[in-house]
């Protein structure tokens, strides 16, 4: 059954905002991703809804937008004076008591982070992730393996610090 665009937006916006937060790690960027993707869906609603998977279209659009935005913002911006300490966003601190894992996840490259979040947070299969991100199933598996290896390294170093005090 194809619903109208307004109903789709009302029903799916909370889930899309969560998905955007998983991609970006920031509620403001998540809202921007969802809004832009929904605007693009609105322009193509009749075609996309006729295919029967408007949410897949929106999620794919959000993932691609996030990667595109990340590429534009990733360039370093040198400053004359280094800050005294690192910045930790309050929203992340509230959402996650132990920031170590979240920091490790946000430090992953965008594709690895997206694959892991889609796999473990959204519980999508490798085939669904590949279709959503526009990559092969093998790429999904290799990106997941690399991302998990990096997270394991972080977890092992945290355990060593707690046990040995180093």
N, C-alpha and C. Protein backbone atom coordinates (compact mmCIF):
# COMPACT_ATOMS: atom_id res chain seq x y z
N UNK A 1 0.84 -1.18 0.00
CA UNK A 1 0.00 0.00 0.00
C UNK A 1 0.89 1.24 0.00
N UNK A 2 0.64 2.16 -0.88
CA UNK A 2 1.41 3.39 -0.98
C UNK A 2 0.68 4.47 -0.20
N UNK A 3 1.37 5.04 0.78
CA UNK A 3 0.79 6.12 1.56
C UNK A 3 1.13 7.46 0.92
N UNK A 4 0.55 8.52 1.41
CA UNK A 4 0.91 9.83 0.85
C UNK A 4 2.19 10.35 1.49
N UNK A 5 2.76 11.35 0.86
CA UNK A 5 4.06 11.86 1.29
C UNK A 5 4.00 12.40 2.73
N UNK A 6 2.97 13.14 3.06
CA UNK A 6 2.83 13.69 4.42
C UNK A 6 2.81 12.62 5.49
N UNK A 7 2.08 11.54 5.23
CA UNK A 7 2.02 10.43 6.19
C UNK A 7 3.38 9.77 6.33
N UNK A 8 4.07 9.59 5.21
CA UNK A 8 5.39 8.99 5.25
C UNK A 8 6.33 9.83 6.11
N UNK A 9 6.32 11.14 5.89
CA UNK A 9 7.20 12.03 6.65
C UNK A 9 6.88 11.96 8.14
N UNK A 10 5.59 12.04 8.49
CA UNK A 10 5.19 11.98 9.90
C UNK A 10 5.60 10.65 10.55
N UNK A 11 5.39 9.56 9.85
CA UNK A 11 5.64 8.24 10.42
C UNK A 11 7.12 7.90 10.51
N UNK A 12 7.91 8.29 9.53
CA UNK A 12 9.30 7.82 9.43
C UNK A 12 10.35 8.82 9.90
N UNK A 13 9.98 10.07 10.15
CA UNK A 13 10.98 11.08 10.55
C UNK A 13 11.76 10.69 11.80
N UNK A 14 11.13 10.20 12.88
CA UNK A 14 11.95 9.84 14.05
C UNK A 14 13.02 8.79 13.74
N UNK A 15 12.65 7.78 12.96
CA UNK A 15 13.64 6.74 12.60
C UNK A 15 14.73 7.32 11.70
N UNK A 16 14.36 8.22 10.80
CA UNK A 16 15.35 8.82 9.91
C UNK A 16 16.29 9.74 10.68
N UNK A 17 15.79 10.42 11.70
CA UNK A 17 16.65 11.25 12.53
C UNK A 17 17.65 10.39 13.31
N UNK A 18 17.19 9.25 13.82
CA UNK A 18 18.11 8.32 14.51
C UNK A 18 19.17 7.82 13.54
N UNK A 19 18.75 7.47 12.34
CA UNK A 19 19.69 7.01 11.32
C UNK A 19 20.71 8.10 10.99
N UNK A 20 20.25 9.33 10.86
CA UNK A 20 21.14 10.44 10.59
C UNK A 20 22.13 10.66 11.72
N UNK A 21 21.68 10.46 12.96
CA UNK A 21 22.58 10.60 14.11
C UNK A 21 23.64 9.51 14.09
N UNK A 22 23.24 8.31 13.71
CA UNK A 22 24.20 7.21 13.61
C UNK A 22 25.25 7.53 12.55
N UNK A 23 24.83 8.09 11.44
CA UNK A 23 25.78 8.44 10.38
C UNK A 23 26.71 9.57 10.80
N UNK A 24 26.15 10.62 11.37
CA UNK A 24 26.92 11.84 11.59
C UNK A 24 27.45 12.02 13.01
N UNK A 25 26.78 11.41 13.99
CA UNK A 25 27.19 11.60 15.38
C UNK A 25 26.79 12.94 15.95
N UNK A 26 25.91 13.66 15.26
CA UNK A 26 25.53 15.00 15.67
C UNK A 26 24.04 15.19 15.36
N UNK A 27 23.22 15.57 16.36
CA UNK A 27 21.78 15.71 16.10
C UNK A 27 21.45 16.80 15.09
N UNK A 28 22.25 17.85 15.02
CA UNK A 28 21.98 18.93 14.08
C UNK A 28 22.26 18.47 12.64
N UNK A 29 23.39 17.78 12.47
CA UNK A 29 23.69 17.24 11.14
C UNK A 29 22.67 16.17 10.75
N UNK A 30 22.23 15.40 11.73
CA UNK A 30 21.22 14.36 11.47
C UNK A 30 19.93 15.00 10.94
N UNK A 31 19.52 16.09 11.56
CA UNK A 31 18.31 16.78 11.11
C UNK A 31 18.50 17.34 9.70
N UNK A 32 19.69 17.88 9.44
CA UNK A 32 19.96 18.41 8.10
C UNK A 32 19.92 17.30 7.05
N UNK A 33 20.52 16.15 7.38
CA UNK A 33 20.52 15.02 6.44
C UNK A 33 19.09 14.56 6.15
N UNK A 34 18.31 14.39 7.21
CA UNK A 34 16.93 13.93 7.03
C UNK A 34 16.12 14.95 6.24
N UNK A 35 16.27 16.22 6.56
CA UNK A 35 15.51 17.25 5.86
C UNK A 35 15.86 17.30 4.38
N UNK A 36 17.14 17.28 4.07
CA UNK A 36 17.55 17.34 2.66
C UNK A 36 17.08 16.10 1.90
N UNK A 37 17.21 14.93 2.52
CA UNK A 37 16.79 13.69 1.86
C UNK A 37 15.28 13.68 1.65
N UNK A 38 14.52 14.14 2.64
CA UNK A 38 13.06 14.19 2.49
C UNK A 38 12.65 15.22 1.43
N UNK A 39 13.37 16.32 1.35
CA UNK A 39 13.08 17.31 0.30
C UNK A 39 13.29 16.70 -1.08
N UNK A 40 14.37 15.95 -1.22
CA UNK A 40 14.64 15.30 -2.50
C UNK A 40 13.59 14.22 -2.80
N UNK A 41 13.16 13.52 -1.76
CA UNK A 41 12.10 12.52 -1.95
C UNK A 41 10.81 13.19 -2.37
N UNK A 42 10.49 14.34 -1.77
CA UNK A 42 9.26 15.04 -2.11
C UNK A 42 9.19 15.40 -3.58
N UNK A 43 10.34 15.75 -4.16
CA UNK A 43 10.38 16.10 -5.58
C UNK A 43 10.12 14.88 -6.47
N UNK A 44 10.42 13.69 -5.97
CA UNK A 44 10.30 12.47 -6.78
C UNK A 44 9.30 11.48 -6.19
N UNK A 45 8.41 11.95 -5.33
CA UNK A 45 7.53 11.07 -4.57
C UNK A 45 6.76 10.08 -5.45
N UNK A 46 6.17 10.54 -6.53
CA UNK A 46 5.32 9.65 -7.34
C UNK A 46 6.14 8.49 -7.92
N UNK A 47 7.34 8.77 -8.40
CA UNK A 47 8.17 7.71 -8.98
C UNK A 47 8.69 6.76 -7.90
N UNK A 48 9.19 7.32 -6.80
CA UNK A 48 9.79 6.49 -5.75
C UNK A 48 8.73 5.66 -5.05
N UNK A 49 7.58 6.26 -4.75
CA UNK A 49 6.54 5.50 -4.05
C UNK A 49 5.95 4.41 -4.94
N UNK A 50 5.97 4.63 -6.25
CA UNK A 50 5.47 3.60 -7.17
C UNK A 50 6.37 2.36 -7.14
N UNK A 51 7.66 2.57 -6.87
CA UNK A 51 8.59 1.43 -6.76
C UNK A 51 8.42 0.69 -5.44
N UNK A 52 7.83 1.33 -4.44
CA UNK A 52 7.49 0.64 -3.21
C UNK A 52 8.52 0.70 -2.09
N UNK A 53 9.60 1.48 -2.22
CA UNK A 53 10.59 1.54 -1.16
C UNK A 53 11.07 2.97 -0.94
N UNK A 54 10.17 3.87 -0.51
CA UNK A 54 10.62 5.26 -0.30
C UNK A 54 11.62 5.39 0.84
N UNK A 55 11.51 4.55 1.86
CA UNK A 55 12.48 4.66 2.96
C UNK A 55 13.88 4.27 2.51
N UNK A 56 14.00 3.27 1.68
CA UNK A 56 15.30 2.90 1.14
C UNK A 56 15.91 4.03 0.34
N UNK A 57 15.07 4.73 -0.42
CA UNK A 57 15.54 5.87 -1.20
C UNK A 57 16.07 6.96 -0.27
N UNK A 58 15.32 7.25 0.80
CA UNK A 58 15.73 8.30 1.73
C UNK A 58 17.02 7.92 2.45
N UNK A 59 17.12 6.68 2.91
CA UNK A 59 18.33 6.25 3.62
C UNK A 59 19.55 6.27 2.70
N UNK A 60 19.37 5.84 1.47
CA UNK A 60 20.48 5.89 0.51
C UNK A 60 20.90 7.34 0.28
N UNK A 61 19.92 8.20 0.11
CA UNK A 61 20.21 9.62 -0.09
C UNK A 61 20.95 10.19 1.11
N UNK A 62 20.51 9.85 2.31
CA UNK A 62 21.15 10.35 3.52
C UNK A 62 22.60 9.87 3.61
N UNK A 63 22.84 8.60 3.32
CA UNK A 63 24.20 8.06 3.39
C UNK A 63 25.10 8.77 2.37
N UNK A 64 24.60 8.95 1.17
CA UNK A 64 25.41 9.61 0.15
C UNK A 64 25.64 11.09 0.46
N UNK A 65 24.63 11.76 0.99
CA UNK A 65 24.80 13.15 1.40
C UNK A 65 25.85 13.27 2.49
N UNK A 66 25.78 12.37 3.47
CA UNK A 66 26.74 12.42 4.57
C UNK A 66 28.16 12.23 4.07
N UNK A 67 28.37 11.28 3.21
CA UNK A 67 29.71 11.06 2.66
C UNK A 67 30.17 12.28 1.88
N UNK A 68 29.27 12.86 1.10
CA UNK A 68 29.61 14.04 0.32
C UNK A 68 29.96 15.22 1.24
N UNK A 69 29.16 15.45 2.27
CA UNK A 69 29.43 16.54 3.20
C UNK A 69 30.73 16.30 3.95
N UNK A 70 30.97 15.05 4.35
CA UNK A 70 32.19 14.73 5.08
C UNK A 70 33.42 15.01 4.21
N UNK A 71 33.34 14.66 2.95
CA UNK A 71 34.48 14.91 2.07
C UNK A 71 34.79 16.40 1.96
N UNK A 72 33.74 17.21 1.92
CA UNK A 72 33.96 18.66 1.83
C UNK A 72 34.55 19.23 3.11
N UNK A 73 34.16 18.70 4.27
CA UNK A 73 34.58 19.26 5.55
C UNK A 73 35.87 18.64 6.09
N UNK A 74 36.37 17.60 5.50
CA UNK A 74 37.49 16.87 6.10
C UNK A 74 38.83 17.57 5.95
N UNK A 75 38.89 18.54 5.12
CA UNK A 75 40.16 19.25 4.95
C UNK A 75 40.55 19.93 6.26
N UNK A 76 41.81 19.88 6.58
CA UNK A 76 42.29 20.49 7.82
C UNK A 76 42.30 22.00 7.69
N UNK A 77 42.07 22.67 8.80
CA UNK A 77 42.12 24.11 8.87
C UNK A 77 43.13 24.49 9.95
N UNK A 78 44.33 24.87 9.54
CA UNK A 78 45.34 25.21 10.53
C UNK A 78 44.93 26.43 11.36
N UNK A 79 45.33 26.42 12.61
CA UNK A 79 45.07 27.54 13.50
C UNK A 79 46.39 27.97 14.12
N UNK A 80 46.46 29.22 14.52
CA UNK A 80 47.70 29.73 15.10
C UNK A 80 47.94 29.19 16.50
N UNK A 81 46.89 29.09 17.30
CA UNK A 81 47.03 28.64 18.68
C UNK A 81 46.24 27.35 18.86
N UNK A 82 46.91 26.33 19.40
CA UNK A 82 46.24 25.06 19.65
C UNK A 82 45.35 25.17 20.87
N UNK A 83 44.20 24.52 20.88
CA UNK A 83 43.32 24.56 22.05
C UNK A 83 43.96 23.82 23.22
N UNK A 84 43.61 24.24 24.42
CA UNK A 84 44.15 23.62 25.63
C UNK A 84 43.74 22.15 25.76
N UNK A 85 42.49 21.85 25.43
CA UNK A 85 42.00 20.48 25.55
C UNK A 85 41.04 20.18 24.40
N UNK A 86 40.75 18.91 24.23
CA UNK A 86 39.87 18.52 23.14
C UNK A 86 38.43 18.86 23.48
N UNK A 87 37.63 18.94 22.44
CA UNK A 87 36.22 19.26 22.58
C UNK A 87 35.41 17.98 22.57
N UNK A 88 34.50 17.82 23.52
CA UNK A 88 33.58 16.68 23.56
C UNK A 88 32.17 17.24 23.51
N UNK A 89 31.42 16.85 22.50
CA UNK A 89 30.06 17.35 22.36
C UNK A 89 29.19 16.83 23.50
N UNK A 90 28.40 17.72 24.08
CA UNK A 90 27.57 17.39 25.23
C UNK A 90 26.54 16.30 24.89
N UNK A 91 25.99 16.34 23.68
CA UNK A 91 24.99 15.33 23.30
C UNK A 91 25.56 13.93 23.29
N UNK A 92 26.78 13.80 22.83
CA UNK A 92 27.42 12.48 22.82
C UNK A 92 27.72 12.05 24.25
N UNK A 93 28.19 12.99 25.08
CA UNK A 93 28.51 12.65 26.47
C UNK A 93 27.26 12.18 27.21
N UNK A 94 26.12 12.81 26.93
CA UNK A 94 24.89 12.40 27.59
C UNK A 94 24.41 11.04 27.10
N UNK A 95 24.55 10.80 25.78
CA UNK A 95 24.03 9.56 25.19
C UNK A 95 24.89 8.36 25.56
N UNK A 96 26.15 8.58 25.82
CA UNK A 96 27.07 7.47 26.03
C UNK A 96 27.93 7.77 27.25
N UNK A 97 27.75 6.98 28.32
CA UNK A 97 28.54 7.19 29.53
C UNK A 97 30.02 7.00 29.30
N UNK A 98 30.40 5.94 28.60
CA UNK A 98 31.80 5.67 28.28
C UNK A 98 32.06 6.16 26.87
N UNK A 99 32.78 7.25 26.77
CA UNK A 99 32.99 7.86 25.47
C UNK A 99 34.02 7.13 24.62
N UNK A 100 34.76 6.21 25.19
CA UNK A 100 35.82 5.55 24.45
C UNK A 100 35.33 4.88 23.18
N UNK A 101 34.29 4.09 23.28
CA UNK A 101 33.78 3.38 22.12
C UNK A 101 33.21 4.36 21.10
N UNK A 102 32.44 5.35 21.57
CA UNK A 102 31.84 6.31 20.64
C UNK A 102 32.93 7.09 19.92
N UNK A 103 33.97 7.50 20.64
CA UNK A 103 35.08 8.20 20.00
C UNK A 103 35.73 7.31 18.94
N UNK A 104 35.89 6.04 19.27
CA UNK A 104 36.50 5.11 18.32
C UNK A 104 35.62 4.97 17.08
N UNK A 105 34.31 4.89 17.27
CA UNK A 105 33.39 4.77 16.13
C UNK A 105 33.43 6.04 15.28
N UNK A 106 33.42 7.20 15.92
CA UNK A 106 33.44 8.44 15.14
C UNK A 106 34.77 8.67 14.46
N UNK A 107 35.83 8.01 14.94
CA UNK A 107 37.15 8.15 14.31
C UNK A 107 37.30 7.25 13.08
N UNK A 108 36.37 6.31 12.90
CA UNK A 108 36.44 5.43 11.74
C UNK A 108 36.20 6.23 10.46
N UNK A 109 36.74 5.77 9.34
CA UNK A 109 36.40 6.40 8.06
C UNK A 109 34.89 6.30 7.82
N UNK A 110 34.32 7.23 7.08
CA UNK A 110 32.86 7.29 6.92
C UNK A 110 32.23 6.00 6.41
N UNK A 111 32.86 5.33 5.46
CA UNK A 111 32.25 4.12 4.91
C UNK A 111 32.25 3.00 5.94
N UNK A 112 33.34 2.84 6.70
CA UNK A 112 33.39 1.82 7.73
C UNK A 112 32.35 2.11 8.81
N UNK A 113 32.25 3.37 9.23
CA UNK A 113 31.26 3.75 10.24
C UNK A 113 29.85 3.48 9.74
N UNK A 114 29.57 3.85 8.49
CA UNK A 114 28.23 3.63 7.94
C UNK A 114 27.90 2.14 7.88
N UNK A 115 28.86 1.33 7.42
CA UNK A 115 28.62 -0.12 7.33
C UNK A 115 28.35 -0.71 8.71
N UNK A 116 29.17 -0.36 9.70
CA UNK A 116 28.98 -0.93 11.03
C UNK A 116 27.67 -0.47 11.65
N UNK A 117 27.31 0.79 11.47
CA UNK A 117 26.06 1.28 12.04
C UNK A 117 24.85 0.65 11.36
N UNK A 118 24.93 0.50 10.05
CA UNK A 118 23.82 -0.14 9.35
C UNK A 118 23.70 -1.61 9.74
N UNK A 119 24.82 -2.26 9.94
CA UNK A 119 24.80 -3.68 10.29
C UNK A 119 24.33 -3.90 11.72
N UNK A 120 24.91 -3.17 12.68
CA UNK A 120 24.64 -3.46 14.08
C UNK A 120 23.57 -2.59 14.71
N UNK A 121 23.41 -1.37 14.26
CA UNK A 121 22.38 -0.51 14.84
C UNK A 121 21.05 -0.70 14.11
N UNK A 122 21.12 -0.70 12.78
CA UNK A 122 19.90 -0.86 11.98
C UNK A 122 19.59 -2.33 11.68
N UNK A 123 20.54 -3.22 11.96
CA UNK A 123 20.40 -4.67 11.77
C UNK A 123 20.03 -5.04 10.33
N UNK A 124 20.73 -4.41 9.38
CA UNK A 124 20.51 -4.73 7.97
C UNK A 124 21.48 -5.82 7.54
N UNK A 125 21.09 -6.57 6.54
CA UNK A 125 21.96 -7.61 5.99
C UNK A 125 23.01 -6.98 5.08
N UNK A 126 24.05 -7.75 4.76
CA UNK A 126 25.10 -7.25 3.87
C UNK A 126 24.53 -6.83 2.52
N UNK A 127 23.57 -7.60 2.01
CA UNK A 127 22.97 -7.27 0.72
C UNK A 127 22.22 -5.93 0.79
N UNK A 128 21.48 -5.72 1.89
CA UNK A 128 20.73 -4.47 2.04
C UNK A 128 21.69 -3.27 2.18
N UNK A 129 22.77 -3.47 2.92
CA UNK A 129 23.75 -2.40 3.09
C UNK A 129 24.40 -2.08 1.75
N UNK A 130 24.78 -3.11 1.01
CA UNK A 130 25.42 -2.90 -0.30
C UNK A 130 24.49 -2.13 -1.22
N UNK A 131 23.23 -2.50 -1.25
CA UNK A 131 22.26 -1.80 -2.10
C UNK A 131 22.09 -0.35 -1.65
N UNK A 132 22.00 -0.16 -0.34
CA UNK A 132 21.79 1.18 0.21
C UNK A 132 22.97 2.11 -0.06
N UNK A 133 24.19 1.60 0.06
CA UNK A 133 25.38 2.43 -0.13
C UNK A 133 25.88 2.43 -1.57
N UNK A 134 25.32 1.56 -2.40
CA UNK A 134 25.74 1.51 -3.80
C UNK A 134 27.11 0.89 -3.98
N UNK A 135 27.42 -0.12 -3.16
CA UNK A 135 28.70 -0.82 -3.25
C UNK A 135 28.43 -2.32 -3.35
N UNK A 136 29.49 -3.10 -3.54
CA UNK A 136 29.32 -4.54 -3.62
C UNK A 136 29.22 -5.15 -2.23
N UNK A 137 28.72 -6.37 -2.17
CA UNK A 137 28.61 -7.09 -0.90
C UNK A 137 30.00 -7.33 -0.31
N UNK A 138 30.97 -7.60 -1.18
CA UNK A 138 32.34 -7.80 -0.72
C UNK A 138 32.92 -6.55 -0.08
N UNK A 139 32.58 -5.39 -0.63
CA UNK A 139 33.04 -4.14 -0.04
C UNK A 139 32.44 -3.95 1.34
N UNK A 140 31.17 -4.29 1.48
CA UNK A 140 30.51 -4.20 2.80
C UNK A 140 31.26 -5.07 3.80
N UNK A 141 31.56 -6.30 3.42
CA UNK A 141 32.24 -7.22 4.33
C UNK A 141 33.64 -6.75 4.68
N UNK A 142 34.38 -6.27 3.69
CA UNK A 142 35.75 -5.83 3.98
C UNK A 142 35.74 -4.57 4.85
N UNK A 143 34.82 -3.64 4.59
CA UNK A 143 34.75 -2.43 5.40
C UNK A 143 34.33 -2.77 6.84
N UNK A 144 33.42 -3.72 6.99
CA UNK A 144 33.01 -4.14 8.33
C UNK A 144 34.18 -4.79 9.07
N UNK A 145 34.92 -5.65 8.40
CA UNK A 145 36.06 -6.32 9.04
C UNK A 145 37.12 -5.30 9.46
N UNK A 146 37.43 -4.37 8.59
CA UNK A 146 38.43 -3.34 8.93
C UNK A 146 37.97 -2.47 10.09
N UNK A 147 36.71 -2.08 10.06
CA UNK A 147 36.18 -1.25 11.14
C UNK A 147 36.18 -1.98 12.47
N UNK A 148 35.78 -3.25 12.46
CA UNK A 148 35.79 -4.04 13.69
C UNK A 148 37.20 -4.25 14.22
N UNK A 149 38.16 -4.44 13.32
CA UNK A 149 39.56 -4.57 13.75
C UNK A 149 40.02 -3.31 14.48
N UNK A 150 39.68 -2.16 13.94
CA UNK A 150 40.07 -0.90 14.59
C UNK A 150 39.40 -0.75 15.95
N UNK A 151 38.12 -1.12 16.03
CA UNK A 151 37.42 -1.02 17.31
C UNK A 151 37.99 -2.01 18.32
N UNK A 152 38.38 -3.19 17.88
CA UNK A 152 39.01 -4.17 18.79
C UNK A 152 40.32 -3.63 19.33
N UNK A 153 41.11 -2.99 18.48
CA UNK A 153 42.38 -2.41 18.93
C UNK A 153 42.14 -1.38 20.02
N UNK A 154 41.13 -0.55 19.85
CA UNK A 154 40.80 0.47 20.85
C UNK A 154 40.36 -0.19 22.15
N UNK A 155 39.50 -1.20 22.04
CA UNK A 155 39.00 -1.89 23.23
C UNK A 155 40.14 -2.58 23.97
N UNK A 156 41.06 -3.22 23.25
CA UNK A 156 42.19 -3.89 23.90
C UNK A 156 43.09 -2.88 24.59
N UNK A 157 43.32 -1.75 23.99
CA UNK A 157 44.17 -0.74 24.63
C UNK A 157 43.50 -0.16 25.87
N UNK A 158 42.17 -0.03 25.87
CA UNK A 158 41.45 0.46 27.05
C UNK A 158 41.53 -0.55 28.19
N UNK A 159 41.43 -1.83 27.86
CA UNK A 159 41.53 -2.87 28.89
C UNK A 159 42.93 -2.86 29.48
N UNK A 160 43.95 -2.71 28.64
CA UNK A 160 45.33 -2.68 29.11
C UNK A 160 45.55 -1.50 30.05
N UNK A 161 44.98 -0.36 29.70
CA UNK A 161 45.13 0.82 30.56
C UNK A 161 44.47 0.57 31.91
N UNK A 162 43.30 -0.03 31.92
CA UNK A 162 42.59 -0.28 33.18
C UNK A 162 43.32 -1.30 34.04
N UNK A 163 43.90 -2.33 33.41
CA UNK A 163 44.56 -3.39 34.15
C UNK A 163 45.95 -2.97 34.61
N UNK A 164 46.74 -2.40 33.70
CA UNK A 164 48.13 -2.07 34.00
C UNK A 164 48.33 -0.63 34.42
N UNK A 165 47.31 0.18 34.27
CA UNK A 165 47.44 1.58 34.65
C UNK A 165 48.29 2.40 33.70
N UNK A 166 48.53 1.90 32.47
CA UNK A 166 49.36 2.63 31.51
C UNK A 166 48.51 3.35 30.54
